[in-house]
Amino acid sequence: MAPNTGRVVNTLIGLLTVAVVGLSVVPWLVPRIQEAVRDKPDSDLVLAAVKEHQAVLDAEWTDTEATTGASPPMRTEETIRDGREQLTQDGIPVTSAMSRVRRIRATFQDDGSVHVTAEVSTSKTYADGSGTTSVETDRHSLVLTGNDARGYAVVSDEVVDPARPSPPDDIRHRADLMALGVSIVFAFIAVGGMVLSWRGRAHSPRSLSWFSFGGTFALAVGLVWMYTVGNARIQDDYRDGTLSCNGERLASLDSRLSLFFSHDCVVQSRIDVLAALLTAVIIVLIEYRILLGLRLRALRSVVSPSISTKNS
């Protein structure tokens, strides 16, 4: 019976380990596979169109006649014109502006247009006599029309504002209750490990008391729980780095938080917490497997002398 139990436990540990590895790898792997198979526009043509468009925007800081020709004006244009007017009224107009498009990611949309996420750094100097230069980096969301044969043109440009309102108290309260519930589950798993150690105290290693033996695994469960208190990380819009989410994994499980945090952050937090729970279960199963092995070894040590005595 015990050997069969050992095989079952070993199988569970193996399956849960595969599940944890899968949960860790899939969120990283899937976007890269989708990116590889997705039809993408010519990156050089898209970059050239964005740079040409940005050159016009830079000119608008100093030239009132400069325009992209969009009707109505793009939101980025309106922001520049409002800023230009305000700085002129303050007596410190912009004398030069130059931008650098540092990173860019382009994807085709269902309507045939191209959506572009770009990171633009703009350096501006002012007519204040001090030679002061400011550098501002923004993330732009642009829409382009055209194709690889004719080239592309920007028809929409908006600076993405990363700031989002805080969730209301009722949503935050529910999220906190969910976090408390998950923490209680972790506590039960840790207590379960201590109970296993107490029940198998007769077979615990001689160098450790049952409390120390079980406490070691309970501490490991606690360390896994601490991982859920940290912030989840998601890929940025350029697929070449990661961003830290604004909320703890444990407190970002409520789907309604997607309206206030990134949806990807909520999904990644759920995946990370599930992986942590499975890891905690694996830790207790490993403890149980060790105790089971110690019990079998103790039984064999008792049975073997009795068999030797009968044979003699």
C-alpha atoms as a PDB file:
ATOM      1  CA  MET A   1       0.000   0.000   0.000  1.00  0.00           C
ATOM      2  CA  ALA A   2       2.761   2.446   0.960  1.00  0.00           C
ATOM      3  CA  PRO A   3       4.786   1.965  -2.274  1.00  0.00           C
ATOM      4  CA  ASN A   4       1.612   2.668  -4.291  1.00  0.00           C
ATOM      5  CA  THR A   5       1.014   5.781  -2.207  1.00  0.00           C
ATOM      6  CA  GLY A   6       4.580   6.870  -2.870  1.00  0.00           C
ATOM      7  CA  ARG A   7       4.100   6.486  -6.629  1.00  0.00           C
ATOM      8  CA  VAL A   8       0.883   8.509  -6.492  1.00  0.00           C
ATOM      9  CA  VAL A   9       2.597  11.284  -4.554  1.00  0.00           C
ATOM     10  CA  ASN A  10       5.536  11.263  -6.966  1.00  0.00           C
ATOM     11  CA  THR A  11       3.122  11.544  -9.895  1.00  0.00           C
ATOM     12  CA  LEU A  12       1.296  14.451  -8.261  1.00  0.00           C
ATOM     13  CA  ILE A  13       4.555  16.256  -7.578  1.00  0.00           C
ATOM     14  CA  GLY A  14       5.630  15.758 -11.193  1.00  0.00           C
ATOM     15  CA  LEU A  15       2.311  16.935 -12.657  1.00  0.00           C
ATOM     16  CA  LEU A  16       2.104  19.986 -10.404  1.00  0.00           C
ATOM     17  CA  THR A  17       5.708  20.889 -11.192  1.00  0.00           C
ATOM     18  CA  VAL A  18       4.931  20.730 -14.903  1.00  0.00           C
ATOM     19  CA  ALA A  19       1.875  22.933 -14.287  1.00  0.00           C
ATOM     20  CA  VAL A  20       3.949  25.535 -12.404  1.00  0.00           C
ATOM     21  CA  VAL A  21       6.599  25.577 -15.134  1.00  0.00           C
ATOM     22  CA  GLY A  22       3.859  25.915 -17.749  1.00  0.00           C
ATOM     23  CA  LEU A  23       2.244  28.831 -15.912  1.00  0.00           C
ATOM     24  CA  SER A  24       5.637  30.508 -15.705  1.00  0.00           C
ATOM     25  CA  VAL A  25       6.603  29.996 -19.349  1.00  0.00           C
ATOM     26  CA  VAL A  26       3.317  30.351 -21.269  1.00  0.00           C
ATOM     27  CA  PRO A  27       2.695  34.081 -20.526  1.00  0.00           C
ATOM     28  CA  TRP A  28       6.210  34.785 -21.791  1.00  0.00           C
ATOM     29  CA  LEU A  29       6.062  32.441 -24.780  1.00  0.00           C
ATOM     30  CA  VAL A  30       2.576  33.061 -26.231  1.00  0.00           C
ATOM     31  CA  PRO A  31       3.069  36.758 -27.127  1.00  0.00           C
ATOM     32  CA  ARG A  32       6.324  35.902 -28.878  1.00  0.00           C
ATOM     33  CA  ILE A  33       4.658  33.168 -30.922  1.00  0.00           C
ATOM     34  CA  GLN A  34       1.809  35.515 -31.849  1.00  0.00           C
ATOM     35  CA  GLU A  35       4.316  38.180 -32.788  1.00  0.00           C
ATOM     36  CA  ALA A  36       6.258  35.737 -34.969  1.00  0.00           C
ATOM     37  CA  VAL A  37       3.230  34.538 -36.964  1.00  0.00           C
ATOM     38  CA  ARG A  38       1.485  37.936 -37.233  1.00  0.00           C
ATOM     39  CA  ASP A  39       1.694  39.710 -40.576  1.00  0.00           C
ATOM     40  CA  LYS A  40       3.649  42.927 -39.976  1.00  0.00           C
ATOM     41  CA  PRO A  41       4.264  46.008 -42.119  1.00  0.00           C
ATOM     42  CA  ASP A  42       7.714  46.951 -43.342  1.00  0.00           C
ATOM     43  CA  SER A  43       9.363  48.329 -40.204  1.00  0.00           C
ATOM     44  CA  ASP A  44      11.696  50.673 -42.129  1.00  0.00           C
ATOM     45  CA  LEU A  45       8.806  52.289 -44.023  1.00  0.00           C
ATOM     46  CA  VAL A  46       6.772  52.682 -40.839  1.00  0.00           C
ATOM     47  CA  LEU A  47       9.723  54.198 -38.983  1.00  0.00           C
ATOM     48  CA  ALA A  48      10.358  56.623 -41.857  1.00  0.00           C
ATOM     49  CA  ALA A  49       6.709  57.748 -41.772  1.00  0.00           C
ATOM     50  CA  VAL A  50       6.768  58.252 -38.010  1.00  0.00           C
ATOM     51  CA  LYS A  51      10.031  60.229 -38.177  1.00  0.00           C
ATOM     52  CA  GLU A  52       8.674  62.432 -40.974  1.00  0.00           C
ATOM     53  CA  HIS A  53       5.511  63.048 -38.971  1.00  0.00           C
ATOM     54  CA  GLN A  54       7.498  63.823 -35.820  1.00  0.00           C
ATOM     55  CA  ALA A  55       9.634  66.346 -37.735  1.00  0.00           C
ATOM     56  CA  VAL A  56       6.466  68.281 -38.559  1.00  0.00           C
ATOM     57  CA  LEU A  57       5.419  68.208 -34.907  1.00  0.00           C
ATOM     58  CA  ASP A  58       8.837  69.521 -33.872  1.00  0.00           C
ATOM     59  CA  ALA A  59       8.428  72.389 -36.347  1.00  0.00           C
ATOM     60  CA  GLU A  60       5.062  73.291 -34.810  1.00  0.00           C
ATOM     61  CA  TRP A  61       6.813  74.288 -31.575  1.00  0.00           C
ATOM     62  CA  THR A  62       8.439  77.230 -33.376  1.00  0.00           C
ATOM     63  CA  ASP A  63       6.445  77.731 -36.586  1.00  0.00           C
ATOM     64  CA  THR A  64       2.780  78.711 -36.348  1.00  0.00           C
ATOM     65  CA  GLU A  65       2.308  77.838 -40.027  1.00  0.00           C
ATOM     66  CA  ALA A  66       3.550  74.263 -39.655  1.00  0.00           C
ATOM     67  CA  THR A  67       0.842  71.603 -39.661  1.00  0.00           C
ATOM     68  CA  THR A  68       0.308  67.959 -40.446  1.00  0.00           C
ATOM     69  CA  GLY A  69      -2.768  68.895 -42.475  1.00  0.00           C
ATOM     70  CA  ALA A  70      -5.031  66.675 -40.390  1.00  0.00           C
ATOM     71  CA  SER A  71      -8.599  67.894 -39.961  1.00  0.00           C
ATOM     72  CA  PRO A  72      -9.445  68.093 -37.172  1.00  0.00           C
ATOM     73  CA  PRO A  73      -5.911  68.476 -35.774  1.00  0.00           C
ATOM     74  CA  MET A  74      -4.433  65.443 -34.084  1.00  0.00           C
ATOM     75  CA  ARG A  75      -4.497  65.440 -30.284  1.00  0.00           C
ATOM     76  CA  THR A  76      -0.718  65.645 -30.151  1.00  0.00           C
ATOM     77  CA  GLU A  77      -0.852  68.721 -32.387  1.00  0.00           C
ATOM     78  CA  GLU A  78      -3.409  70.375 -30.116  1.00  0.00           C
ATOM     79  CA  THR A  79      -1.184  69.713 -27.097  1.00  0.00           C
ATOM     80  CA  ILE A  80       1.839  71.249 -28.841  1.00  0.00           C
ATOM     81  CA  ARG A  81      -0.107  74.330 -29.959  1.00  0.00           C
ATOM     82  CA  ASP A  82      -1.520  74.893 -26.487  1.00  0.00           C
ATOM     83  CA  GLY A  83       1.958  74.507 -24.966  1.00  0.00           C
ATOM     84  CA  ARG A  84       3.494  76.846 -27.565  1.00  0.00           C
ATOM     85  CA  GLU A  85       0.898  79.520 -26.870  1.00  0.00           C
ATOM     86  CA  GLN A  86       1.322  79.257 -23.102  1.00  0.00           C
ATOM     87  CA  LEU A  87       5.127  79.443 -23.272  1.00  0.00           C
ATOM     88  CA  THR A  88       4.937  82.443 -25.604  1.00  0.00           C
ATOM     89  CA  GLN A  89       2.640  84.224 -23.158  1.00  0.00           C
ATOM     90  CA  ASP A  90       5.097  83.447 -20.360  1.00  0.00           C
ATOM     91  CA  GLY A  91       7.908  85.018 -22.364  1.00  0.00           C
ATOM     92  CA  ILE A  92       9.927  81.839 -22.820  1.00  0.00           C
ATOM     93  CA  PRO A  93       8.967  80.533 -26.273  1.00  0.00           C
ATOM     94  CA  VAL A  94      10.601  77.421 -27.667  1.00  0.00           C
ATOM     95  CA  THR A  95      13.419  78.289 -30.068  1.00  0.00           C
ATOM     96  CA  SER A  96      14.135  74.758 -31.277  1.00  0.00           C
ATOM     97  CA  ALA A  97      12.737  71.273 -30.882  1.00  0.00           C
ATOM     98  CA  MET A  98      14.199  67.996 -32.033  1.00  0.00           C
ATOM     99  CA  SER A  99      12.814  64.513 -31.430  1.00  0.00           C
ATOM    100  CA  ARG A 100      14.259  61.059 -31.518  1.00  0.00           C
ATOM    101  CA  VAL A 101      12.080  58.010 -32.134  1.00  0.00           C
ATOM    102  CA  ARG A 102      13.831  55.388 -30.022  1.00  0.00           C
ATOM    103  CA  ARG A 103      11.578  52.337 -30.057  1.00  0.00           C
ATOM    104  CA  ILE A 104       8.681  51.352 -32.256  1.00  0.00           C
ATOM    105  CA  ARG A 105       6.235  48.469 -32.613  1.00  0.00           C
ATOM    106  CA  ALA A 106       3.799  48.222 -35.532  1.00  0.00           C
ATOM    107  CA  THR A 107       0.902  45.814 -36.147  1.00  0.00           C
ATOM    108  CA  PHE A 108      -1.790  45.554 -38.821  1.00  0.00           C
ATOM    109  CA  GLN A 109      -5.381  46.179 -37.747  1.00  0.00           C
ATOM    110  CA  ASP A 110      -8.513  44.472 -39.080  1.00  0.00           C
ATOM    111  CA  ASP A 111      -9.384  47.517 -41.223  1.00  0.00           C
ATOM    112  CA  GLY A 112      -5.997  47.446 -42.974  1.00  0.00           C
ATOM    113  CA  SER A 113      -4.518  50.355 -41.039  1.00  0.00           C
ATOM    114  CA  VAL A 114      -1.369  50.080 -38.972  1.00  0.00           C
ATOM    115  CA  HIS A 115      -1.264  50.713 -35.236  1.00  0.00           C
ATOM    116  CA  VAL A 116       2.079  51.908 -33.966  1.00  0.00           C
ATOM    117  CA  THR A 117       3.386  52.267 -30.437  1.00  0.00           C
ATOM    118  CA  ALA A 118       6.431  54.522 -30.374  1.00  0.00           C
ATOM    119  CA  GLU A 119       8.668  56.034 -27.734  1.00  0.00           C
ATOM    120  CA  VAL A 120       9.603  59.607 -28.625  1.00  0.00           C
ATOM    121  CA  SER A 121      12.125  61.803 -26.789  1.00  0.00           C
ATOM    122  CA  THR A 122      11.889  65.532 -27.569  1.00  0.00           C
ATOM    123  CA  SER A 123      14.627  68.046 -26.691  1.00  0.00           C
ATOM    124  CA  LYS A 124      13.560  71.707 -26.540  1.00  0.00           C
ATOM    125  CA  THR A 125      15.518  74.915 -26.002  1.00  0.00           C
ATOM    126  CA  TYR A 126      13.953  78.175 -24.841  1.00  0.00           C
ATOM    127  CA  ALA A 127      14.444  81.882 -25.471  1.00  0.00           C
ATOM    128  CA  ASP A 128      15.236  82.678 -21.843  1.00  0.00           C
ATOM    129  CA  GLY A 129      18.919  83.463 -22.356  1.00  0.00           C
ATOM    130  CA  SER A 130      20.096  80.584 -20.174  1.00  0.00           C
ATOM    131  CA  GLY A 131      20.415  77.986 -22.913  1.00  0.00           C
ATOM    132  CA  THR A 132      18.251  75.617 -20.900  1.00  0.00           C
ATOM    133  CA  THR A 133      17.335  72.394 -22.658  1.00  0.00           C
ATOM    134  CA  SER A 134      14.517  70.127 -21.566  1.00  0.00           C
ATOM    135  CA  VAL A 135      14.041  66.524 -22.605  1.00  0.00           C
ATOM    136  CA  GLU A 136      10.630  64.892 -22.455  1.00  0.00           C
ATOM    137  CA  THR A 137       9.950  61.248 -23.303  1.00  0.00           C
ATOM    138  CA  ASP A 138       6.434  60.119 -24.148  1.00  0.00           C
ATOM    139  CA  ARG A 139       4.775  57.013 -25.467  1.00  0.00           C
ATOM    140  CA  HIS A 140       2.754  57.710 -28.610  1.00  0.00           C
ATOM    141  CA  SER A 141      -0.119  55.689 -30.032  1.00  0.00           C
ATOM    142  CA  LEU A 142      -0.322  56.315 -33.780  1.00  0.00           C
ATOM    143  CA  VAL A 143      -2.481  55.108 -36.656  1.00  0.00           C
ATOM    144  CA  LEU A 144      -0.997  54.909 -40.147  1.00  0.00           C
ATOM    145  CA  THR A 145      -2.585  54.242 -43.538  1.00  0.00           C
ATOM    146  CA  GLY A 146      -0.910  52.944 -46.685  1.00  0.00           C
ATOM    147  CA  ASN A 147       0.976  49.814 -47.612  1.00  0.00           C
ATOM    148  CA  ASP A 148       4.479  48.549 -48.214  1.00  0.00           C
ATOM    149  CA  ALA A 149       4.278  49.433 -51.937  1.00  0.00           C
ATOM    150  CA  ARG A 150       3.214  53.080 -51.542  1.00  0.00           C
ATOM    151  CA  GLY A 151       4.567  53.798 -48.096  1.00  0.00           C
ATOM    152  CA  TYR A 152       2.719  54.962 -44.985  1.00  0.00           C
ATOM    153  CA  ALA A 153       1.329  58.200 -43.590  1.00  0.00           C
ATOM    154  CA  VAL A 154       0.315  59.073 -40.026  1.00  0.00           C
ATOM    155  CA  VAL A 155      -3.384  59.953 -39.668  1.00  0.00           C
ATOM    156  CA  SER A 156      -3.702  59.866 -35.878  1.00  0.00           C
ATOM    157  CA  ASP A 157      -1.275  60.565 -33.054  1.00  0.00           C
ATOM    158  CA  GLU A 158      -1.998  60.573 -29.342  1.00  0.00           C
ATOM    159  CA  VAL A 159       0.315  60.643 -26.352  1.00  0.00           C
ATOM    160  CA  VAL A 160      -0.552  57.740 -24.085  1.00  0.00           C
ATOM    161  CA  ASP A 161      -1.145  58.863 -20.527  1.00  0.00           C
ATOM    162  CA  PRO A 162      -0.065  56.054 -18.146  1.00  0.00           C
ATOM    163  CA  ALA A 163      -1.862  57.655 -15.198  1.00  0.00           C
ATOM    164  CA  ARG A 164      -5.134  55.997 -14.259  1.00  0.00           C
ATOM    165  CA  PRO A 165      -7.672  56.808 -11.562  1.00  0.00           C
ATOM    166  CA  SER A 166      -7.587  54.846  -8.334  1.00  0.00           C
ATOM    167  CA  PRO A 167     -10.251  52.149  -7.949  1.00  0.00           C
ATOM    168  CA  PRO A 168     -13.234  53.031  -5.737  1.00  0.00           C
ATOM    169  CA  ASP A 169     -13.431  51.738  -2.187  1.00  0.00           C
ATOM    170  CA  ASP A 170     -15.938  48.946  -2.916  1.00  0.00           C
ATOM    171  CA  ILE A 171     -13.709  47.392  -5.597  1.00  0.00           C
ATOM    172  CA  ARG A 172     -10.626  47.794  -3.451  1.00  0.00           C
ATOM    173  CA  HIS A 173     -12.465  46.243  -0.474  1.00  0.00           C
ATOM    174  CA  ARG A 174     -13.458  43.213  -2.540  1.00  0.00           C
ATOM    175  CA  ALA A 175      -9.903  42.870  -3.857  1.00  0.00           C
ATOM    176  CA  ASP A 176      -8.585  42.992  -0.285  1.00  0.00           C
ATOM    177  CA  LEU A 177     -11.041  40.265   0.748  1.00  0.00           C
ATOM    178  CA  MET A 178      -9.844  38.087  -2.120  1.00  0.00           C
ATOM    179  CA  ALA A 179      -6.255  38.692  -1.028  1.00  0.00           C
ATOM    180  CA  LEU A 180      -7.179  37.733   2.540  1.00  0.00           C
ATOM    181  CA  GLY A 181      -8.884  34.551   1.318  1.00  0.00           C
ATOM    182  CA  VAL A 182      -5.825  33.485  -0.675  1.00  0.00           C
ATOM    183  CA  SER A 183      -3.569  34.246   2.309  1.00  0.00           C
ATOM    184  CA  ILE A 184      -5.774  32.021   4.488  1.00  0.00           C
ATOM    185  CA  VAL A 185      -5.371  29.207   1.947  1.00  0.00           C
ATOM    186  CA  PHE A 186      -1.589  29.598   2.183  1.00  0.00           C
ATOM    187  CA  ALA A 187      -1.867  29.508   5.973  1.00  0.00           C
ATOM    188  CA  PHE A 188      -3.891  26.265   5.827  1.00  0.00           C
ATOM    189  CA  ILE A 189      -1.275  24.717   3.536  1.00  0.00           C
ATOM    190  CA  ALA A 190       1.504  25.702   5.953  1.00  0.00           C
ATOM    191  CA  VAL A 191      -0.477  24.339   8.930  1.00  0.00           C
ATOM    192  CA  GLY A 192      -1.101  21.158   6.947  1.00  0.00           C
ATOM    193  CA  GLY A 193       2.652  20.740   6.608  1.00  0.00           C
ATOM    194  CA  MET A 194       3.062  21.102  10.370  1.00  0.00           C
ATOM    195  CA  VAL A 195       0.303  18.536  10.988  1.00  0.00           C
ATOM    196  CA  LEU A 196       2.004  16.074   8.659  1.00  0.00           C
ATOM    197  CA  SER A 197       5.248  16.521  10.555  1.00  0.00           C
ATOM    198  CA  TRP A 198       3.492  16.001  13.898  1.00  0.00           C
ATOM    199  CA  ARG A 199       1.724  12.845  12.704  1.00  0.00           C
ATOM    200  CA  GLY A 200       4.986  11.449  11.358  1.00  0.00           C
ATOM    201  CA  ARG A 201       7.059  12.538  14.349  1.00  0.00           C
ATOM    202  CA  ALA A 202       7.938   8.958  15.185  1.00  0.00           C
ATOM    203  CA  HIS A 203       9.814   8.726  11.876  1.00  0.00           C
ATOM    204  CA  SER A 204      11.245  12.259  11.699  1.00  0.00           C
ATOM    205  CA  PRO A 205      15.007  12.628  11.190  1.00  0.00           C
ATOM    206  CA  ARG A 206      16.856  12.240  14.478  1.00  0.00           C
ATOM    207  CA  SER A 207      18.781  15.452  13.909  1.00  0.00           C
ATOM    208  CA  LEU A 208      15.528  17.470  13.812  1.00  0.00           C
ATOM    209  CA  SER A 209      12.467  17.574  16.028  1.00  0.00           C
ATOM    210  CA  TRP A 210       9.105  17.212  14.344  1.00  0.00           C
ATOM    211  CA  PHE A 211       8.526  20.934  14.922  1.00  0.00           C
ATOM    212  CA  SER A 212      11.780  21.943  13.251  1.00  0.00           C
ATOM    213  CA  PHE A 213      11.212  19.511  10.389  1.00  0.00           C
ATOM    214  CA  GLY A 214       7.670  20.732   9.706  1.00  0.00           C
ATOM    215  CA  GLY A 215       8.653  24.332  10.381  1.00  0.00           C
ATOM    216  CA  THR A 216      11.198  24.190   7.591  1.00  0.00           C
ATOM    217  CA  PHE A 217       8.526  23.341   5.037  1.00  0.00           C
ATOM    218  CA  ALA A 218       6.053  25.790   6.571  1.00  0.00           C
ATOM    219  CA  LEU A 219       8.706  28.484   6.209  1.00  0.00           C
ATOM    220  CA  ALA A 220       9.142  27.535   2.554  1.00  0.00           C
ATOM    221  CA  VAL A 221       5.385  27.970   2.052  1.00  0.00           C
ATOM    222  CA  GLY A 222       5.652  31.361   3.742  1.00  0.00           C
ATOM    223  CA  LEU A 223       8.405  32.421   1.362  1.00  0.00           C
ATOM    224  CA  VAL A 224       6.209  31.443  -1.575  1.00  0.00           C
ATOM    225  CA  TRP A 225       3.387  33.528  -0.092  1.00  0.00           C
ATOM    226  CA  MET A 226       5.763  36.495   0.151  1.00  0.00           C
ATOM    227  CA  TYR A 227       6.270  36.226  -3.616  1.00  0.00           C
ATOM    228  CA  THR A 228       2.565  36.994  -4.104  1.00  0.00           C
ATOM    229  CA  VAL A 229       2.946  40.236  -2.140  1.00  0.00           C
ATOM    230  CA  GLY A 230       5.308  41.643  -4.776  1.00  0.00           C
ATOM    231  CA  ASN A 231       4.284  43.307  -8.033  1.00  0.00           C
ATOM    232  CA  ALA A 232       3.681  41.289 -11.173  1.00  0.00           C
ATOM    233  CA  ARG A 233       5.710  42.063 -14.271  1.00  0.00           C
ATOM    234  CA  ILE A 234       4.378  42.163 -17.822  1.00  0.00           C
ATOM    235  CA  GLN A 235       5.927  42.720 -21.214  1.00  0.00           C
ATOM    236  CA  ASP A 236       5.992  46.294 -22.404  1.00  0.00           C
ATOM    237  CA  ASP A 237       4.326  47.331 -25.659  1.00  0.00           C
ATOM    238  CA  TYR A 238       7.551  46.817 -27.586  1.00  0.00           C
ATOM    239  CA  ARG A 239       7.996  43.164 -26.528  1.00  0.00           C
ATOM    240  CA  ASP A 240      11.628  43.810 -25.612  1.00  0.00           C
ATOM    241  CA  GLY A 241      11.375  44.448 -21.885  1.00  0.00           C
ATOM    242  CA  THR A 242       9.133  44.175 -18.857  1.00  0.00           C
ATOM    243  CA  LEU A 243       7.128  46.642 -16.806  1.00  0.00           C
ATOM    244  CA  SER A 244       6.294  46.421 -13.134  1.00  0.00           C
ATOM    245  CA  CYS A 245       2.585  46.550 -12.342  1.00  0.00           C
ATOM    246  CA  ASN A 246       1.347  49.109  -9.841  1.00  0.00           C
ATOM    247  CA  GLY A 247      -0.422  46.648  -7.526  1.00  0.00           C
ATOM    248  CA  GLU A 248       0.589  43.600  -5.507  1.00  0.00           C
ATOM    249  CA  ARG A 249      -0.174  40.260  -7.127  1.00  0.00           C
ATOM    250  CA  LEU A 250      -2.263  39.235  -4.142  1.00  0.00           C
ATOM    251  CA  ALA A 251      -4.355  42.422  -4.230  1.00  0.00           C
ATOM    252  CA  SER A 252      -4.827  42.507  -8.023  1.00  0.00           C
ATOM    253  CA  LEU A 253      -7.024  39.451  -8.554  1.00  0.00           C
ATOM    254  CA  ASP A 254     -10.402  41.168  -8.975  1.00  0.00           C
ATOM    255  CA  SER A 255     -11.318  41.411 -12.675  1.00  0.00           C
ATOM    256  CA  ARG A 256     -12.900  44.823 -12.081  1.00  0.00           C
ATOM    257  CA  LEU A 257      -9.426  46.231 -11.400  1.00  0.00           C
ATOM    258  CA  SER A 258      -8.760  45.950 -15.151  1.00  0.00           C
ATOM    259  CA  LEU A 259     -10.515  49.312 -15.513  1.00  0.00           C
ATOM    260  CA  PHE A 260      -7.920  50.951 -13.280  1.00  0.00           C
ATOM    261  CA  PHE A 261      -4.807  48.822 -13.748  1.00  0.00           C
ATOM    262  CA  SER A 262      -3.563  47.171 -16.899  1.00  0.00           C
ATOM    263  CA  HIS A 263      -5.666  44.148 -17.891  1.00  0.00           C
ATOM    264  CA  ASP A 264      -2.428  42.255 -18.486  1.00  0.00           C
ATOM    265  CA  CYS A 265      -1.374  43.025 -14.907  1.00  0.00           C
ATOM    266  CA  VAL A 266      -4.558  41.494 -13.497  1.00  0.00           C
ATOM    267  CA  VAL A 267      -4.187  38.377 -15.676  1.00  0.00           C
ATOM    268  CA  GLN A 268      -0.493  37.998 -14.837  1.00  0.00           C
ATOM    269  CA  SER A 269      -1.231  38.447 -11.114  1.00  0.00           C
ATOM    270  CA  ARG A 270      -3.784  35.617 -11.267  1.00  0.00           C
ATOM    271  CA  ILE A 271      -1.322  33.362 -13.066  1.00  0.00           C
ATOM    272  CA  ASP A 272       1.453  34.146 -10.576  1.00  0.00           C
ATOM    273  CA  VAL A 273      -0.787  33.534  -7.535  1.00  0.00           C
ATOM    274  CA  LEU A 274      -2.044  30.229  -8.971  1.00  0.00           C
ATOM    275  CA  ALA A 275       1.537  29.145  -9.657  1.00  0.00           C
ATOM    276  CA  ALA A 276       2.475  30.114  -6.094  1.00  0.00           C
ATOM    277  CA  LEU A 277      -0.416  28.085  -4.642  1.00  0.00           C
ATOM    278  CA  LEU A 278       0.596  25.034  -6.672  1.00  0.00           C
ATOM    279  CA  THR A 279       4.202  25.497  -5.540  1.00  0.00           C
ATOM    280  CA  ALA A 280       3.060  25.572  -1.905  1.00  0.00           C
ATOM    281  CA  VAL A 281       1.154  22.315  -2.449  1.00  0.00           C
ATOM    282  CA  ILE A 282       4.249  20.779  -4.053  1.00  0.00           C
ATOM    283  CA  ILE A 283       6.319  21.726  -1.001  1.00  0.00           C
ATOM    284  CA  VAL A 284       3.904  19.938   1.350  1.00  0.00           C
ATOM    285  CA  LEU A 285       3.752  16.907  -0.961  1.00  0.00           C
ATOM    286  CA  ILE A 286       7.543  16.710  -0.931  1.00  0.00           C
ATOM    287  CA  GLU A 287       7.430  16.798   2.859  1.00  0.00           C
ATOM    288  CA  TYR A 288       4.842  14.008   2.841  1.00  0.00           C
ATOM    289  CA  ARG A 289       6.963  11.977   0.417  1.00  0.00           C
ATOM    290  CA  ILE A 290      10.018  12.340   2.677  1.00  0.00           C
ATOM    291  CA  LEU A 291       8.035  11.256   5.736  1.00  0.00           C
ATOM    292  CA  LEU A 292       6.613   8.328   3.781  1.00  0.00           C
ATOM    293  CA  GLY A 293      10.115   7.250   2.810  1.00  0.00           C
ATOM    294  CA  LEU A 294      11.302   7.517   6.413  1.00  0.00           C
ATOM    295  CA  ARG A 295       8.331   5.455   7.555  1.00  0.00           C
ATOM    296  CA  LEU A 296       9.076   2.718   5.004  1.00  0.00           C
ATOM    297  CA  ARG A 297      12.728   2.664   6.043  1.00  0.00           C
ATOM    298  CA  ALA A 298      11.708   2.330   9.698  1.00  0.00           C
ATOM    299  CA  LEU A 299       9.344  -0.542   8.877  1.00  0.00           C
ATOM    300  CA  ARG A 300      12.042  -2.338   6.923  1.00  0.00           C
ATOM    301  CA  SER A 301      14.487  -1.974   9.789  1.00  0.00           C
ATOM    302  CA  VAL A 302      11.922  -3.632  12.094  1.00  0.00           C
ATOM    303  CA  VAL A 303      10.923  -6.372   9.665  1.00  0.00           C
ATOM    304  CA  SER A 304      14.420  -7.353   8.574  1.00  0.00           C
ATOM    305  CA  PRO A 305      15.693  -8.445  12.066  1.00  0.00           C
ATOM    306  CA  SER A 306      12.547 -10.486  12.668  1.00  0.00           C
ATOM    307  CA  ILE A 307      13.014 -12.315   9.365  1.00  0.00           C
ATOM    308  CA  SER A 308      16.654 -12.986  10.207  1.00  0.00           C
ATOM    309  CA  THR A 309      15.654 -14.377  13.584  1.00  0.00           C
ATOM    310  CA  LYS A 310      13.101 -16.759  12.035  1.00  0.00           C
ATOM    311  CA  ASN A 311      15.610 -17.985   9.454  1.00  0.00           C
ATOM    312  CA  SER A 312      18.183 -18.698  12.169  1.00  0.00           C
END
